[in-house]
Amino acid sequence: MYVTMNEPLHLNHSNLMTALTGVFILTSSTARTSDALLGWNCAYSFTSNIMYGVLYAVTPELFPTKDRGTGNAMTATANRVFGIMVN
């Protein structure tokens, strides 16, 4: 796979890690033992951390500060609210 000048490398990593995060979260539902669930969750956590790292590295390049701050605040709020609802 090669990258053209119009397509930065970090966007390819973000797409890949987003897809892998989804795959690992779905395959964790197939775990039959506690150890298998731990393994799937470790893989999910690893890929989602990379995905969020790339996301936070890319947003300053794409969006103005005002929009980025509003979007991050709304996302953080939704994350906390839905996290509380899940628990």
Protein backbone atom coordinates (compact mmCIF):
# COMPACT_ATOMS: atom_id res chain seq x y z
CA MET A 1 0.00 0.00 0.00
CA TYR A 2 1.38 3.38 -0.94
CA VAL A 3 0.27 6.86 -0.04
CA THR A 4 -0.23 9.71 -2.49
CA MET A 5 0.45 13.32 -1.60
CA ASN A 6 -3.29 14.00 -1.27
CA GLU A 7 -3.83 11.25 1.29
CA PRO A 8 -1.86 11.58 4.55
CA LEU A 9 -0.58 8.40 6.16
CA HIS A 10 -2.34 9.04 9.49
CA LEU A 11 -5.76 8.88 7.86
CA ASN A 12 -5.00 5.37 6.59
CA HIS A 13 -4.02 4.31 10.11
CA SER A 14 -7.19 5.82 11.53
CA ASN A 15 -9.34 3.90 9.05
CA LEU A 16 -7.51 0.66 9.77
CA MET A 17 -7.67 1.04 13.54
CA THR A 18 -11.35 2.01 13.42
CA ALA A 19 -12.11 -1.14 11.45
CA LEU A 20 -10.01 -3.32 13.77
CA THR A 21 -11.68 -1.78 16.83
CA GLY A 22 -15.06 -2.75 15.43
CA VAL A 23 -13.87 -6.25 14.59
CA PHE A 24 -12.44 -6.84 18.07
CA ILE A 25 -15.52 -5.49 19.84
CA LEU A 26 -17.75 -7.79 17.79
CA THR A 27 -15.52 -10.84 18.21
CA SER A 28 -15.39 -10.32 21.96
CA SER A 29 -19.00 -11.48 21.99
CA THR A 30 -17.82 -14.93 20.85
CA ALA A 31 -15.62 -15.45 23.92
CA ARG A 32 -16.49 -18.60 25.83
CA THR A 33 -14.02 -18.19 28.69
CA SER A 34 -12.84 -15.36 30.88
CA ASP A 35 -9.34 -15.56 29.37
CA ALA A 36 -10.70 -15.28 25.83
CA LEU A 37 -12.76 -12.24 26.82
CA LEU A 38 -9.69 -10.67 28.40
CA GLY A 39 -7.71 -11.23 25.19
CA TRP A 40 -10.39 -9.70 22.96
CA ASN A 41 -10.79 -6.74 25.30
CA CYS A 42 -7.03 -6.15 25.35
CA ALA A 43 -6.99 -6.13 21.54
CA TYR A 44 -9.99 -3.79 21.49
CA SER A 45 -8.39 -1.42 23.99
CA PHE A 46 -5.09 -1.37 22.08
CA THR A 47 -6.66 -0.57 18.72
CA SER A 48 -9.14 1.97 20.14
CA ASN A 49 -6.32 3.83 21.93
CA ILE A 50 -4.41 4.07 18.66
CA MET A 51 -7.57 5.18 16.87
CA TYR A 52 -8.20 7.96 19.42
CA GLY A 53 -4.53 8.99 19.36
CA VAL A 54 -4.65 9.40 15.60
CA LEU A 55 -7.99 11.19 15.86
CA TYR A 56 -6.62 13.75 18.33
CA ALA A 57 -3.52 14.23 16.18
CA VAL A 58 -5.57 14.82 13.01
CA THR A 59 -8.31 17.15 14.27
CA PRO A 60 -6.05 20.19 14.75
CA GLU A 61 -5.11 19.93 11.08
CA LEU A 62 -8.69 19.65 9.83
CA PHE A 63 -10.93 21.83 12.01
CA PRO A 64 -10.70 25.35 13.45
CA THR A 65 -10.22 25.67 17.20
CA LYS A 66 -13.80 26.80 17.93
CA ASP A 67 -15.36 23.86 16.10
CA ARG A 68 -12.85 21.38 17.48
CA GLY A 69 -13.48 22.47 21.07
CA THR A 70 -17.25 22.25 20.66
CA GLY A 71 -17.04 18.83 19.02
CA ASN A 72 -14.70 17.45 21.68
CA ALA A 73 -16.94 18.75 24.47
CA MET A 74 -20.08 17.26 22.93
CA THR A 75 -18.34 13.92 22.36
CA ALA A 76 -16.95 13.81 25.90
CA THR A 77 -20.37 14.65 27.34
CA ALA A 78 -22.12 11.97 25.27
CA ASN A 79 -19.42 9.45 26.22
CA ARG A 80 -19.96 10.08 29.93
CA VAL A 81 -23.75 10.14 29.77
CA PHE A 82 -24.01 6.91 27.78
CA GLY A 83 -21.31 5.32 29.94
CA ILE A 84 -23.43 6.03 33.02
CA MET A 85 -26.52 4.66 31.28
CA VAL A 86 -24.69 1.42 30.44
CA ASN A 87 -23.59 0.88 34.03
